[in-house]
Amino acid sequence: MKVHQLFMIVVLTAGVATANGTAQQNKIPQEVWQQAKNNSVASVTVNLNVPWQPEGQLSKDKVEAQRQSIISAQEELLRQLAGTRNKVRFKMRTVPYLSMEVGEDALAVLDHSALVTQDYRVLFGRL
C-alpha cells in the first residue's frame, strides 16, 4: 500500500519591523505551526542570516570564506536546536540554507533565532 504524506517546504520569513524598529518574532507561518501540530513535524528550509553573493562574483579566497561562514551558521543553529525535535535533511554548502524536519519545540527556536531570516512562499506537495 502506498502511503502519501502531505509535506510543506518553507523558507522561513523575516521578522516584521514594528514602528519602533524592533523585529517581531513571527518568522514561522501559521500553516507550518499547524503542520507540526498535526503531523508532529514540519519540513522547512531555513534561510540563514549570512551575507551571501553568487560564487561567480567572488575570488577563490572569498568563495572559501563565504562557504565557511555558511558552515559556521549552520553549526551554530544546530547548537541552538540541541534538545529539540529536529532532523537535518541536507546542508547546502554554497548557499545559506538548511533543509530540516522539525517539531514545534524546534520551530519556537527558529522563530526567535537571529540566524534565521527571509522567506519564500509555502509550497505544498506529496511524498
C-alpha atoms as a PDB file:
ATOM      1  CA  MET A   1       0.000   0.000   0.000  1.00  0.00           C
ATOM      2  CA  LYS A   2       1.363   3.388  -0.972  1.00  0.00           C
ATOM      3  CA  VAL A   3       1.213   5.930   1.800  1.00  0.00           C
ATOM      4  CA  HIS A   4       1.184   9.611   0.928  1.00  0.00           C
ATOM      5  CA  GLN A   5       2.126  12.269   3.395  1.00  0.00           C
ATOM      6  CA  LEU A   6       1.425  15.911   2.950  1.00  0.00           C
ATOM      7  CA  PHE A   7       4.555  17.944   3.217  1.00  0.00           C
ATOM      8  CA  MET A   8       5.323  21.597   3.220  1.00  0.00           C
ATOM      9  CA  ILE A   9       8.592  23.204   2.243  1.00  0.00           C
ATOM     10  CA  VAL A  10       9.049  26.597   3.726  1.00  0.00           C
ATOM     11  CA  VAL A  11      11.873  29.001   3.799  1.00  0.00           C
ATOM     12  CA  LEU A  12      11.137  30.931   6.953  1.00  0.00           C
ATOM     13  CA  THR A  13      10.033  34.565   6.896  1.00  0.00           C
ATOM     14  CA  ALA A  14      11.928  37.568   8.075  1.00  0.00           C
ATOM     15  CA  GLY A  15      10.648  39.337  11.169  1.00  0.00           C
ATOM     16  CA  VAL A  16       8.340  42.273  10.529  1.00  0.00           C
ATOM     17  CA  ALA A  17       9.596  45.614  11.817  1.00  0.00           C
ATOM     18  CA  THR A  18       7.397  47.467  14.231  1.00  0.00           C
ATOM     19  CA  ALA A  19       7.021  51.245  14.427  1.00  0.00           C
ATOM     20  CA  ASN A  20       9.902  51.481  16.926  1.00  0.00           C
ATOM     21  CA  GLY A  21      12.201  49.475  14.651  1.00  0.00           C
ATOM     22  CA  THR A  22      12.404  46.248  16.654  1.00  0.00           C
ATOM     23  CA  ALA A  23      11.774  42.932  14.916  1.00  0.00           C
ATOM     24  CA  GLN A  24       8.735  40.885  15.794  1.00  0.00           C
ATOM     25  CA  GLN A  25       9.305  37.155  16.167  1.00  0.00           C
ATOM     26  CA  ASN A  26       6.762  35.927  13.614  1.00  0.00           C
ATOM     27  CA  LYS A  27       9.040  34.196  11.131  1.00  0.00           C
ATOM     28  CA  ILE A  28       7.079  30.956  11.027  1.00  0.00           C
ATOM     29  CA  PRO A  29       3.819  30.991   9.018  1.00  0.00           C
ATOM     30  CA  GLN A  30       0.764  29.680  10.863  1.00  0.00           C
ATOM     31  CA  GLU A  31       0.400  26.822   8.346  1.00  0.00           C
ATOM     32  CA  VAL A  32       3.801  25.468   9.400  1.00  0.00           C
ATOM     33  CA  TRP A  33       2.869  25.567  13.094  1.00  0.00           C
ATOM     34  CA  GLN A  34      -0.336  23.712  12.191  1.00  0.00           C
ATOM     35  CA  GLN A  35       1.553  21.102  10.187  1.00  0.00           C
ATOM     36  CA  ALA A  36       3.927  20.469  13.098  1.00  0.00           C
ATOM     37  CA  LYS A  37       0.978  20.173  15.471  1.00  0.00           C
ATOM     38  CA  ASN A  38      -0.996  17.827  13.204  1.00  0.00           C
ATOM     39  CA  ASN A  39       1.910  15.662  11.982  1.00  0.00           C
ATOM     40  CA  SER A  40       4.414  16.024  14.853  1.00  0.00           C
ATOM     41  CA  VAL A  41       6.898  17.505  12.347  1.00  0.00           C
ATOM     42  CA  ALA A  42       7.099  20.118   9.614  1.00  0.00           C
ATOM     43  CA  SER A  43       9.539  20.167   6.702  1.00  0.00           C
ATOM     44  CA  VAL A  44      11.300  23.509   6.427  1.00  0.00           C
ATOM     45  CA  THR A  45      14.158  25.063   4.529  1.00  0.00           C
ATOM     46  CA  VAL A  46      15.802  27.673   6.704  1.00  0.00           C
ATOM     47  CA  ASN A  47      17.420  30.719   5.111  1.00  0.00           C
ATOM     48  CA  LEU A  48      20.377  31.633   7.297  1.00  0.00           C
ATOM     49  CA  ASN A  49      21.229  35.215   8.162  1.00  0.00           C
ATOM     50  CA  VAL A  50      24.614  35.135   6.426  1.00  0.00           C
ATOM     51  CA  PRO A  51      25.921  37.669   3.898  1.00  0.00           C
ATOM     52  CA  TRP A  52      25.916  35.936   0.538  1.00  0.00           C
ATOM     53  CA  GLN A  53      26.841  36.583  -3.089  1.00  0.00           C
ATOM     54  CA  PRO A  54      26.850  34.225  -6.085  1.00  0.00           C
ATOM     55  CA  GLU A  55      30.203  32.469  -6.136  1.00  0.00           C
ATOM     56  CA  GLY A  56      30.877  33.513  -9.742  1.00  0.00           C
ATOM     57  CA  GLN A  57      31.239  37.083  -8.477  1.00  0.00           C
ATOM     58  CA  LEU A  58      33.851  36.173  -5.849  1.00  0.00           C
ATOM     59  CA  SER A  59      37.566  35.378  -5.800  1.00  0.00           C
ATOM     60  CA  LYS A  60      38.623  31.873  -4.781  1.00  0.00           C
ATOM     61  CA  ASP A  61      39.554  33.103  -1.275  1.00  0.00           C
ATOM     62  CA  LYS A  62      36.209  34.854  -0.830  1.00  0.00           C
ATOM     63  CA  VAL A  63      34.344  31.743  -2.012  1.00  0.00           C
ATOM     64  CA  GLU A  64      36.073  29.701   0.695  1.00  0.00           C
ATOM     65  CA  ALA A  65      35.387  32.366   3.334  1.00  0.00           C
ATOM     66  CA  GLN A  66      31.710  32.525   2.323  1.00  0.00           C
ATOM     67  CA  ARG A  67      31.361  28.736   2.476  1.00  0.00           C
ATOM     68  CA  GLN A  68      32.981  28.694   5.920  1.00  0.00           C
ATOM     69  CA  SER A  69      30.549  31.386   7.071  1.00  0.00           C
ATOM     70  CA  ILE A  70      27.620  29.237   5.883  1.00  0.00           C
ATOM     71  CA  ILE A  71      29.004  26.153   7.657  1.00  0.00           C
ATOM     72  CA  SER A  72      29.562  28.132  10.867  1.00  0.00           C
ATOM     73  CA  ALA A  73      25.989  29.494  10.812  1.00  0.00           C
ATOM     74  CA  GLN A  74      24.574  26.003  10.191  1.00  0.00           C
ATOM     75  CA  GLU A  75      26.587  24.575  13.096  1.00  0.00           C
ATOM     76  CA  GLU A  76      25.546  27.403  15.435  1.00  0.00           C
ATOM     77  CA  LEU A  77      21.868  26.996  14.535  1.00  0.00           C
ATOM     78  CA  LEU A  78      22.107  23.256  15.197  1.00  0.00           C
ATOM     79  CA  ARG A  79      23.644  24.035  18.609  1.00  0.00           C
ATOM     80  CA  GLN A  80      20.672  26.318  19.311  1.00  0.00           C
ATOM     81  CA  LEU A  81      18.338  23.467  18.324  1.00  0.00           C
ATOM     82  CA  ALA A  82      20.029  20.920  20.617  1.00  0.00           C
ATOM     83  CA  GLY A  83      17.451  19.090  22.708  1.00  0.00           C
ATOM     84  CA  THR A  84      14.589  19.846  20.313  1.00  0.00           C
ATOM     85  CA  ARG A  85      12.916  17.555  17.813  1.00  0.00           C
ATOM     86  CA  ASN A  86      14.835  18.131  14.584  1.00  0.00           C
ATOM     87  CA  LYS A  87      16.438  16.173  11.781  1.00  0.00           C
ATOM     88  CA  VAL A  88      18.691  17.663   9.134  1.00  0.00           C
ATOM     89  CA  ARG A  89      17.645  16.576   5.664  1.00  0.00           C
ATOM     90  CA  PHE A  90      20.564  18.272   3.957  1.00  0.00           C
ATOM     91  CA  LYS A  91      23.020  21.114   4.388  1.00  0.00           C
ATOM     92  CA  MET A  92      23.806  23.323   1.453  1.00  0.00           C
ATOM     93  CA  ARG A  93      27.456  24.283   1.052  1.00  0.00           C
ATOM     94  CA  THR A  94      27.244  27.161  -1.400  1.00  0.00           C
ATOM     95  CA  VAL A  95      24.021  28.941  -0.364  1.00  0.00           C
ATOM     96  CA  PRO A  96      22.875  29.822   3.184  1.00  0.00           C
ATOM     97  CA  TYR A  97      20.089  27.236   3.516  1.00  0.00           C
ATOM     98  CA  LEU A  98      19.458  24.259   5.769  1.00  0.00           C
ATOM     99  CA  SER A  99      16.693  21.754   4.996  1.00  0.00           C
ATOM    100  CA  MET A 100      15.148  20.118   8.074  1.00  0.00           C
ATOM    101  CA  GLU A 101      12.238  18.305   9.630  1.00  0.00           C
ATOM    102  CA  VAL A 102      11.303  19.984  12.907  1.00  0.00           C
ATOM    103  CA  GLY A 103       8.841  19.681  15.764  1.00  0.00           C
ATOM    104  CA  GLU A 104       7.026  22.515  17.497  1.00  0.00           C
ATOM    105  CA  ASP A 105       9.843  22.966  20.018  1.00  0.00           C
ATOM    106  CA  ALA A 106      12.379  23.456  17.224  1.00  0.00           C
ATOM    107  CA  LEU A 107      10.018  25.843  15.404  1.00  0.00           C
ATOM    108  CA  ALA A 108       9.971  28.021  18.528  1.00  0.00           C
ATOM    109  CA  VAL A 109      13.788  28.170  18.495  1.00  0.00           C
ATOM    110  CA  LEU A 110      13.848  29.003  14.768  1.00  0.00           C
ATOM    111  CA  ASP A 111      11.211  31.685  15.276  1.00  0.00           C
ATOM    112  CA  HIS A 112      13.432  33.502  17.777  1.00  0.00           C
ATOM    113  CA  SER A 113      16.870  32.837  16.308  1.00  0.00           C
ATOM    114  CA  ALA A 114      18.836  35.752  14.882  1.00  0.00           C
ATOM    115  CA  LEU A 115      20.392  33.223  12.492  1.00  0.00           C
ATOM    116  CA  VAL A 116      17.064  32.731  10.664  1.00  0.00           C
ATOM    117  CA  THR A 117      15.902  35.245   8.078  1.00  0.00           C
ATOM    118  CA  GLN A 118      13.869  35.749   4.895  1.00  0.00           C
ATOM    119  CA  ASP A 119      11.062  33.738   3.330  1.00  0.00           C
ATOM    120  CA  TYR A 120       9.736  32.496   0.084  1.00  0.00           C
ATOM    121  CA  ARG A 121       6.152  31.256  -0.238  1.00  0.00           C
ATOM    122  CA  VAL A 122       4.928  27.960   1.133  1.00  0.00           C
ATOM    123  CA  LEU A 123       4.829  25.052  -1.322  1.00  0.00           C
ATOM    124  CA  PHE A 124       2.581  22.031  -0.920  1.00  0.00           C
ATOM    125  CA  GLY A 125       3.104  18.563  -2.346  1.00  0.00           C
ATOM    126  CA  ARG A 126       3.018  14.857  -1.637  1.00  0.00           C
ATOM    127  CA  LEU A 127       5.815  12.470  -0.718  1.00  0.00           C
END
